């Protein structure tokens, strides 16, 4: 399909590959909220997808030591041997999966890992099955790489999880990948072993379809949930699966920009070709920090997990106490994904009828000064996402404002 590309008044003509891709709605809302704060408005931003904890001290010290030791030069293209060894040890220790060093890649964040993988494997018209709600970058990266996203809606009643019959129906001769994220951004839904098994059985019947799993929120799970990654459940998938992770969420290292993955040697080699012509190696100092994170003490993870759970429970309880809203209890991550069908077609105090979840989130930002993200940004409406990776005091105030804003709506 040819996409018309407009030439602006300066004569600039953007590439057609980005004609259907825009800046993330999450970033747009964040930028607007930040501008309102600069104007002096008391905006509470619940849109950021990053922990509010600091990077652990031993990780920061490792980075400082690397700088002092002169480790500020290029490293191996897709990760230093020392970091790959730490990643291999992590996969074996925590996931029960063995990856050789040439089956591991390191990039500038997990987003680059995704981009490298799709760019290295997708030809025009190839399809990627993505359950919704989904992290917005997934589909946009597929489109930039020339593929087509096959978005499969997953209901709250199904726990926002893809079902085997849905996957079977979505697969076509053009399907190249299935992309799963557990625990999920934006829903917090997670796949346990029993949830994965039916999906794995479908994939085993389709040997030409590869599996990509995003395990970024692995260490942020609640209520005794047993995290597992699909390759650990089914070793047959190892030769056609890419298991993605990183240090951003568990170790509060979003700004350090280190993501990694394990996969078949041929895929990892192809991804290195893409990376060699894009960014080359990740930051050497960040790699040193990531080694310390993966090899160092892990006890603080449970403490942070407990803090997130306390905030999750607060947010879920308060949202479910609002008659117009409905919030499922997430198994992991630090997001709630709440249904807001109850506010649709109601009228704001200023006379505007709310016809979509985006209308509702605009209303919350403009009138209640609370920034959240509409479900339309994640491919499933009518919902909205809250990130509870902020202080409990801010959450209490924000939820009170949301409650008052809902109460102010008229039929």
Protein backbone atom coordinates (compact mmCIF):
# COMPACT_ATOMS: atom_id res chain seq x y z
CA UNK A 1 0.00 0.00 0.00
CA UNK A 2 1.33 3.41 -0.96
CA UNK A 3 0.97 6.10 1.70
CA UNK A 4 0.69 9.71 0.58
CA UNK A 5 3.38 11.88 2.12
CA UNK A 6 2.81 15.61 2.43
CA UNK A 7 5.53 18.14 1.66
CA UNK A 8 5.44 21.04 4.13
CA UNK A 9 5.90 24.73 3.36
CA UNK A 10 9.68 24.46 3.71
CA UNK A 11 9.87 21.71 1.12
CA UNK A 12 10.65 19.00 3.65
CA UNK A 13 9.32 15.58 2.65
CA UNK A 14 9.40 12.89 5.35
CA UNK A 15 9.89 9.25 4.42
CA UNK A 16 6.69 7.33 3.76
CA UNK A 17 7.70 4.71 6.34
CA UNK A 18 6.86 7.12 9.17
CA UNK A 19 3.67 8.53 7.68
CA UNK A 20 1.50 6.41 9.96
CA UNK A 21 3.78 6.69 13.00
CA UNK A 22 3.65 9.51 15.52
CA UNK A 23 5.30 10.49 18.76
CA UNK A 24 4.06 8.29 21.59
CA UNK A 25 0.76 9.45 23.12
CA UNK A 26 2.36 8.82 26.52
CA UNK A 27 5.11 11.32 25.73
CA UNK A 28 2.59 13.82 24.35
CA UNK A 29 0.52 13.70 27.53
CA UNK A 30 3.64 13.92 29.66
CA UNK A 31 4.86 16.96 27.75
CA UNK A 32 1.50 18.72 28.09
CA UNK A 33 1.32 17.93 31.81
CA UNK A 34 4.87 19.15 32.35
CA UNK A 35 4.05 22.40 30.54
CA UNK A 36 1.02 22.88 32.78
CA UNK A 37 3.21 22.34 35.86
CA UNK A 38 5.64 24.98 34.61
CA UNK A 39 2.70 27.36 34.41
CA UNK A 40 2.09 26.77 38.10
CA UNK A 41 -0.80 24.31 37.92
CA UNK A 42 -0.74 21.50 40.53
CA UNK A 43 -0.60 18.65 38.02
CA UNK A 44 0.07 15.11 39.21
CA UNK A 45 1.59 12.97 36.46
CA UNK A 46 0.69 9.28 36.60
CA UNK A 47 1.88 8.45 33.11
CA UNK A 48 5.58 7.74 33.51
CA UNK A 49 6.73 4.16 32.99
CA UNK A 50 9.70 4.23 35.31
CA UNK A 51 10.30 3.33 38.96
CA UNK A 52 10.51 6.19 41.42
CA UNK A 53 13.37 4.47 43.25
CA UNK A 54 17.00 5.44 42.75
CA UNK A 55 19.57 3.23 41.06
CA UNK A 56 21.17 1.06 43.80
CA UNK A 57 24.36 2.49 45.29
CA UNK A 58 26.55 -0.49 44.39
CA UNK A 59 25.52 -0.05 40.75
CA UNK A 60 26.41 3.64 40.78
CA UNK A 61 29.72 2.86 42.43
CA UNK A 62 30.54 0.34 39.71
CA UNK A 63 29.91 2.99 37.08
CA UNK A 64 32.17 5.46 38.87
CA UNK A 65 34.89 2.84 39.18
CA UNK A 66 34.63 2.10 35.47
CA UNK A 67 35.11 5.77 34.65
CA UNK A 68 38.10 6.02 36.99
CA UNK A 69 39.61 2.91 35.39
CA UNK A 70 39.32 4.42 31.92
CA UNK A 71 36.59 2.08 30.72
CA UNK A 72 35.26 4.80 28.43
CA UNK A 73 36.15 3.34 25.03
CA UNK A 74 34.21 1.29 22.51
CA UNK A 75 33.32 -2.20 23.65
CA UNK A 76 32.41 -5.22 21.55
CA UNK A 77 29.60 -4.33 19.14
CA UNK A 78 26.67 -5.93 20.92
CA UNK A 79 27.92 -6.09 24.50
CA UNK A 80 31.16 -6.73 26.32
CA UNK A 81 32.09 -10.35 27.09
CA UNK A 82 31.85 -9.55 30.81
CA UNK A 83 28.30 -8.26 30.49
CA UNK A 84 27.26 -11.16 28.29
CA UNK A 85 28.64 -13.54 30.92
CA UNK A 86 26.57 -11.76 33.59
CA UNK A 87 23.48 -12.02 31.38
CA UNK A 88 24.09 -15.71 30.67
CA UNK A 89 24.44 -16.33 34.40
CA UNK A 90 21.21 -14.43 35.05
CA UNK A 91 19.27 -16.44 32.45
CA UNK A 92 20.51 -19.71 33.95
CA UNK A 93 20.08 -18.68 37.60
CA UNK A 94 16.68 -17.02 37.37
CA UNK A 95 15.06 -18.55 34.31
CA UNK A 96 16.62 -21.97 33.91
CA UNK A 97 17.69 -21.26 30.34
CA UNK A 98 21.23 -21.73 28.96
CA UNK A 99 22.48 -19.20 26.41
CA UNK A 100 26.00 -19.15 25.01
CA UNK A 101 27.67 -15.75 24.68
CA UNK A 102 27.06 -15.72 20.92
CA UNK A 103 23.36 -16.23 21.65
CA UNK A 104 23.16 -12.99 23.66
CA UNK A 105 22.88 -9.41 22.44
CA UNK A 106 23.02 -6.12 24.34
CA UNK A 107 21.54 -2.87 23.04
CA UNK A 108 20.76 0.67 24.05
CA UNK A 109 17.59 -0.27 25.86
CA UNK A 110 15.09 -3.04 25.11
CA UNK A 111 13.49 -0.83 22.47
CA UNK A 112 16.64 -1.12 20.36
CA UNK A 113 16.59 -4.89 20.83
CA UNK A 114 13.05 -4.95 19.44
CA UNK A 115 14.00 -2.69 16.55
CA UNK A 116 17.08 -4.73 15.68
CA UNK A 117 15.13 -7.99 15.73
CA UNK A 118 12.31 -6.74 13.53
CA UNK A 119 14.61 -4.90 11.15
CA UNK A 120 16.73 -8.03 10.76
CA UNK A 121 13.82 -10.39 10.11
CA UNK A 122 10.78 -8.61 8.66
CA UNK A 123 10.20 -8.16 4.95
CA UNK A 124 7.42 -6.05 3.47
CA UNK A 125 4.06 -7.54 4.32
CA UNK A 126 5.27 -9.89 7.05
CA UNK A 127 2.92 -10.01 10.00
CA UNK A 128 3.49 -9.76 13.74
CA UNK A 129 0.72 -10.89 16.09
CA UNK A 130 0.44 -8.50 19.05
CA UNK A 131 -2.15 -8.91 21.82
CA UNK A 132 -3.81 -5.69 22.94
CA UNK A 133 -3.61 -3.73 25.15
CA UNK A 134 0.03 -3.41 24.17
CA UNK A 135 3.02 -1.13 24.67
CA UNK A 136 2.61 1.46 21.94
CA UNK A 137 6.12 1.11 20.52
CA UNK A 138 5.58 -2.50 19.46
CA UNK A 139 3.28 -1.75 16.57
CA UNK A 140 5.11 1.39 15.46
CA UNK A 141 8.44 -0.43 15.26
CA UNK A 142 6.84 -3.19 13.18
CA UNK A 143 5.39 -0.59 10.81
CA UNK A 144 8.71 1.26 10.45
CA UNK A 145 10.37 -2.05 9.57
CA UNK A 146 7.85 -2.66 6.79
CA UNK A 147 5.71 -5.25 8.55
CA UNK A 148 2.06 -5.35 9.50
CA UNK A 149 0.83 -5.54 13.06
CA UNK A 150 -2.03 -7.97 13.67
CA UNK A 151 -3.63 -6.59 16.82
CA UNK A 152 -5.69 -9.09 18.82
CA UNK A 153 -7.98 -7.57 21.49
CA UNK A 154 -7.74 -9.33 24.88
CA UNK A 155 -10.60 -8.60 27.22
CA UNK A 156 -10.52 -7.81 30.91
CA UNK A 157 -12.64 -10.94 31.42
CA UNK A 158 -9.77 -12.98 29.95
CA UNK A 159 -7.32 -11.20 32.22
CA UNK A 160 -6.02 -9.16 29.26
CA UNK A 161 -4.27 -12.36 28.15
CA UNK A 162 -4.18 -13.82 24.64
CA UNK A 163 -6.15 -17.06 24.35
CA UNK A 164 -5.05 -20.07 22.28
CA UNK A 165 -8.03 -19.90 19.93
CA UNK A 166 -7.33 -16.23 19.25
CA UNK A 167 -3.71 -16.97 18.43
CA UNK A 168 -4.66 -19.85 16.12
CA UNK A 169 -7.06 -17.62 14.25
CA UNK A 170 -4.56 -14.75 13.95
CA UNK A 171 -1.78 -16.84 12.40
CA UNK A 172 -1.57 -16.73 8.60
CA UNK A 173 1.07 -17.79 6.05
CA UNK A 174 2.51 -14.28 6.44
CA UNK A 175 2.97 -14.47 10.22
CA UNK A 176 6.62 -13.99 11.14
CA UNK A 177 6.43 -13.34 14.89
CA UNK A 178 4.13 -13.49 17.90
CA UNK A 179 5.02 -10.87 20.50
CA UNK A 180 4.08 -11.40 24.16
CA UNK A 181 4.77 -9.17 27.16
CA UNK A 182 4.52 -10.48 30.73
CA UNK A 183 3.96 -8.78 33.11
CA UNK A 184 2.37 -6.35 30.71
CA UNK A 185 2.69 -2.68 30.09
CA UNK A 186 -0.02 -1.30 30.22
CA UNK A 187 -2.31 -3.82 31.92
CA UNK A 188 -0.08 -5.45 34.54
CA UNK A 189 -1.45 -8.81 33.38
CA UNK A 190 0.97 -11.72 33.52
CA UNK A 191 1.13 -15.18 31.99
CA UNK A 192 1.82 -18.07 34.34
CA UNK A 193 2.89 -21.52 33.18
CA UNK A 194 -0.74 -22.61 32.75
CA UNK A 195 -1.51 -19.51 30.67
CA UNK A 196 1.49 -20.00 28.39
CA UNK A 197 1.03 -23.73 27.75
CA UNK A 198 -1.96 -23.50 25.35
CA UNK A 199 -0.20 -20.73 23.40
CA UNK A 200 2.99 -22.80 23.20
CA UNK A 201 0.98 -25.73 21.86
CA UNK A 202 -0.36 -23.51 19.08
CA UNK A 203 3.16 -22.36 18.21
CA UNK A 204 4.40 -25.93 18.08
CA UNK A 205 1.82 -26.55 15.34
CA UNK A 206 3.22 -23.61 13.36
CA UNK A 207 6.99 -24.17 13.06
CA UNK A 208 7.54 -21.14 10.81
CA UNK A 209 6.22 -18.69 13.41
CA UNK A 210 8.77 -17.25 15.85
CA UNK A 211 8.12 -16.05 19.38
CA UNK A 212 9.35 -12.80 20.92
CA UNK A 213 8.80 -12.30 24.65
CA UNK A 214 9.34 -9.09 26.59
CA UNK A 215 10.12 -9.99 30.21
CA UNK A 216 11.10 -6.48 31.30
CA UNK A 217 8.86 -6.48 34.41
CA UNK A 218 9.93 -9.96 35.52
CA UNK A 219 10.85 -8.92 39.06
CA UNK A 220 7.74 -6.84 39.70
CA UNK A 221 5.07 -9.45 40.47
CA UNK A 222 2.68 -9.87 43.38
CA UNK A 223 0.71 -12.28 45.53
CA UNK A 224 3.09 -15.18 45.00
CA UNK A 225 2.76 -15.11 41.23
CA UNK A 226 5.25 -17.52 39.66
CA UNK A 227 7.08 -15.80 36.85
CA UNK A 228 8.21 -18.04 34.01
CA UNK A 229 9.52 -17.40 30.51
CA UNK A 230 8.24 -19.60 27.64
CA UNK A 231 11.59 -21.07 26.57
CA UNK A 232 11.99 -22.50 30.06
CA UNK A 233 8.63 -24.25 29.67
CA UNK A 234 9.25 -25.55 26.17
CA UNK A 235 12.90 -26.05 25.09
CA UNK A 236 11.76 -26.75 21.51
CA UNK A 237 11.01 -23.04 21.18
CA UNK A 238 14.58 -22.01 21.97
CA UNK A 239 15.65 -22.13 18.32
CA UNK A 240 12.89 -19.74 17.26
CA UNK A 241 12.40 -17.47 20.25
CA UNK A 242 13.92 -14.19 21.37
CA UNK A 243 13.74 -13.55 25.12
CA UNK A 244 14.07 -9.83 25.87
CA UNK A 245 14.86 -8.23 29.21
CA UNK A 246 16.83 -5.33 30.65
CA UNK A 247 17.90 -3.50 33.77
CA UNK A 248 15.58 -0.50 33.47
CA UNK A 249 12.62 -1.52 35.64
CA UNK A 250 13.95 -3.98 38.22
CA UNK A 251 17.06 -1.94 39.00
CA UNK A 252 15.61 1.55 38.40
CA UNK A 253 18.10 2.15 35.58
CA UNK A 254 15.85 3.63 32.88
CA UNK A 255 18.33 6.36 31.99
CA UNK A 256 21.29 3.98 31.73
CA UNK A 257 19.78 2.48 28.56
CA UNK A 258 20.75 -1.18 28.68
CA UNK A 259 18.53 -3.90 27.26
CA UNK A 260 19.48 -7.43 26.33
CA UNK A 261 18.12 -10.63 24.84
CA UNK A 262 18.88 -14.29 24.32
CA UNK A 263 18.10 -16.08 21.08
CA UNK A 264 19.38 -18.30 18.28
CA UNK A 265 22.91 -17.56 17.11
CA UNK A 266 21.85 -16.74 13.54
CA UNK A 267 19.27 -14.20 14.73
CA UNK A 268 21.72 -12.59 17.16
CA UNK A 269 24.27 -12.27 14.35
CA UNK A 270 21.72 -10.68 12.04
CA UNK A 271 20.69 -8.23 14.77
CA UNK A 272 24.35 -7.26 15.21
CA UNK A 273 24.45 -6.23 11.56
CA UNK A 274 21.63 -3.75 12.17
CA UNK A 275 23.20 -2.44 15.37
CA UNK A 276 26.58 -2.02 13.67
CA UNK A 277 25.04 0.51 11.28
CA UNK A 278 22.92 2.26 13.90
CA UNK A 279 24.41 2.89 17.32
CA UNK A 280 27.29 0.42 17.49
CA UNK A 281 28.02 -0.62 21.08
CA UNK A 282 25.98 0.49 24.10
CA UNK A 283 27.59 2.93 26.55
CA UNK A 284 30.63 1.31 28.17
CA UNK A 285 29.96 2.84 31.57
CA UNK A 286 26.33 1.71 31.51
CA UNK A 287 27.51 -1.80 30.68
CA UNK A 288 29.76 -1.80 33.74
CA UNK A 289 26.81 -0.68 35.85
CA UNK A 290 24.60 -3.43 34.38
CA UNK A 291 27.20 -6.06 35.29
CA UNK A 292 27.06 -4.89 38.91
CA UNK A 293 23.26 -4.93 38.84
CA UNK A 294 23.01 -8.49 37.52
CA UNK A 295 25.88 -9.96 39.55
CA UNK A 296 25.34 -8.00 42.76
CA UNK A 297 22.91 -8.33 45.67
CA UNK A 298 19.28 -8.88 44.72
CA UNK A 299 17.61 -8.65 48.13
CA UNK A 300 16.38 -5.09 47.58
CA UNK A 301 14.15 -6.33 44.75
CA UNK A 302 11.74 -7.91 47.24
CA UNK A 303 11.60 -4.70 49.28
CA UNK A 304 10.74 -2.63 46.22
CA UNK A 305 8.24 -5.25 45.09
CA UNK A 306 6.48 -4.98 48.44
CA UNK A 307 6.34 -1.19 48.13
CA UNK A 308 4.81 -1.43 44.66
CA UNK A 309 2.25 -3.97 45.91
CA UNK A 310 1.14 -1.62 48.68
CA UNK A 311 0.61 1.12 46.13
CA UNK A 312 -1.13 -1.26 43.74
CA UNK A 313 -3.62 -2.24 46.41
CA UNK A 314 -4.28 1.39 47.28
CA UNK A 315 -4.95 2.36 43.67
CA UNK A 316 -7.10 -0.68 42.84
CA UNK A 317 -9.23 -0.27 45.96
CA UNK A 318 -9.77 3.45 45.45
CA UNK A 319 -10.60 3.07 41.75
CA UNK A 320 -13.09 0.27 42.38
CA UNK A 321 -14.81 2.46 44.99
CA UNK A 322 -15.71 4.92 42.21
CA UNK A 323 -19.06 3.74 40.73
CA UNK A 324 -18.20 4.68 37.15
CA UNK A 325 -14.87 2.83 37.07
CA UNK A 326 -13.81 -0.82 37.18
CA UNK A 327 -10.26 -1.96 37.85
CA UNK A 328 -8.88 -5.48 37.54
CA UNK A 329 -6.14 -6.45 40.03
CA UNK A 330 -2.88 -6.73 38.05
CA UNK A 331 -0.44 -9.56 38.67
CA UNK A 332 2.63 -7.44 38.04
CA UNK A 333 4.36 -4.31 36.69
CA UNK A 334 3.34 -0.96 38.20
CA UNK A 335 0.24 -0.06 36.21
CA UNK A 336 -3.51 -0.36 36.55
CA UNK A 337 -5.68 -0.57 33.44
CA UNK A 338 -9.13 0.54 34.45
CA UNK A 339 -12.38 0.35 32.56
CA UNK A 340 -14.15 3.68 32.22
CA UNK A 341 -17.23 2.74 30.20
CA UNK A 342 -19.29 4.14 33.06
CA UNK A 343 -18.27 7.73 32.29
CA UNK A 344 -19.00 7.59 28.57
CA UNK A 345 -21.82 9.80 27.32
CA UNK A 346 -21.79 11.74 30.57
CA UNK A 347 -21.37 15.50 30.53
CA UNK A 348 -18.64 17.52 32.20
CA UNK A 349 -19.40 20.65 34.27
CA UNK A 350 -18.34 22.69 31.23
CA UNK A 351 -20.90 20.93 29.04
CA UNK A 352 -18.67 18.56 27.06
CA UNK A 353 -19.95 15.04 26.43
CA UNK A 354 -17.37 12.33 27.03
CA UNK A 355 -17.57 9.97 24.06
CA UNK A 356 -14.21 8.18 24.44
CA UNK A 357 -11.56 7.26 26.96
CA UNK A 358 -9.36 9.98 25.45
CA UNK A 359 -12.09 12.52 26.23
CA UNK A 360 -12.12 11.26 29.81
CA UNK A 361 -8.35 11.49 30.26
CA UNK A 362 -8.36 14.97 28.71
CA UNK A 363 -11.03 15.94 31.23
CA UNK A 364 -8.96 14.58 34.11
CA UNK A 365 -5.90 16.51 32.98
CA UNK A 366 -7.61 19.81 32.23
CA UNK A 367 -10.08 19.89 35.14
CA UNK A 368 -8.64 17.60 37.83
CA UNK A 369 -4.99 18.18 36.91
CA UNK A 370 -4.22 14.45 36.85
CA UNK A 371 -2.31 13.06 33.87
CA UNK A 372 -3.16 9.47 32.90
CA UNK A 373 -3.09 7.70 29.53
CA UNK A 374 -6.17 6.62 27.55
CA UNK A 375 -6.60 3.01 26.53
CA UNK A 376 -6.84 4.07 22.89
CA UNK A 377 -3.07 4.66 23.03
CA UNK A 378 -2.63 0.97 23.86
CA UNK A 379 -5.08 -0.44 21.37
CA UNK A 380 -7.98 -1.29 23.70
CA UNK A 381 -10.77 1.04 24.81
CA UNK A 382 -12.52 2.26 26.90
CA UNK A 383 -9.79 2.05 29.55
CA UNK A 384 -7.10 4.25 31.04
CA UNK A 385 -3.69 3.49 32.49
CA UNK A 386 -2.30 4.74 35.77
CA UNK A 387 1.34 4.33 36.67
CA UNK A 388 1.58 3.98 40.45
CA UNK A 389 5.37 4.34 40.44
CA UNK A 390 5.11 7.53 42.46
CA UNK A 391 4.68 8.48 46.10
CA UNK A 392 1.72 7.24 48.10
CA UNK A 393 0.85 10.83 49.03
CA UNK A 394 0.59 11.82 45.37
CA UNK A 395 -1.47 8.73 44.60
CA UNK A 396 -3.93 9.51 47.40
CA UNK A 397 -4.36 13.08 46.19
CA UNK A 398 -4.67 12.04 42.53
CA UNK A 399 -7.29 9.41 43.31
CA UNK A 400 -9.29 11.90 45.35
CA UNK A 401 -9.26 14.26 42.39
CA UNK A 402 -10.37 11.48 40.02
CA UNK A 403 -13.19 10.57 42.41
CA UNK A 404 -14.38 14.19 42.56
CA UNK A 405 -14.12 14.56 38.79
CA UNK A 406 -16.27 11.47 38.23
CA UNK A 407 -18.83 12.65 40.79
CA UNK A 408 -19.09 15.99 38.96
CA UNK A 409 -20.23 14.36 35.71
CA UNK A 410 -23.91 14.59 34.75
CA UNK A 411 -26.14 12.24 32.79
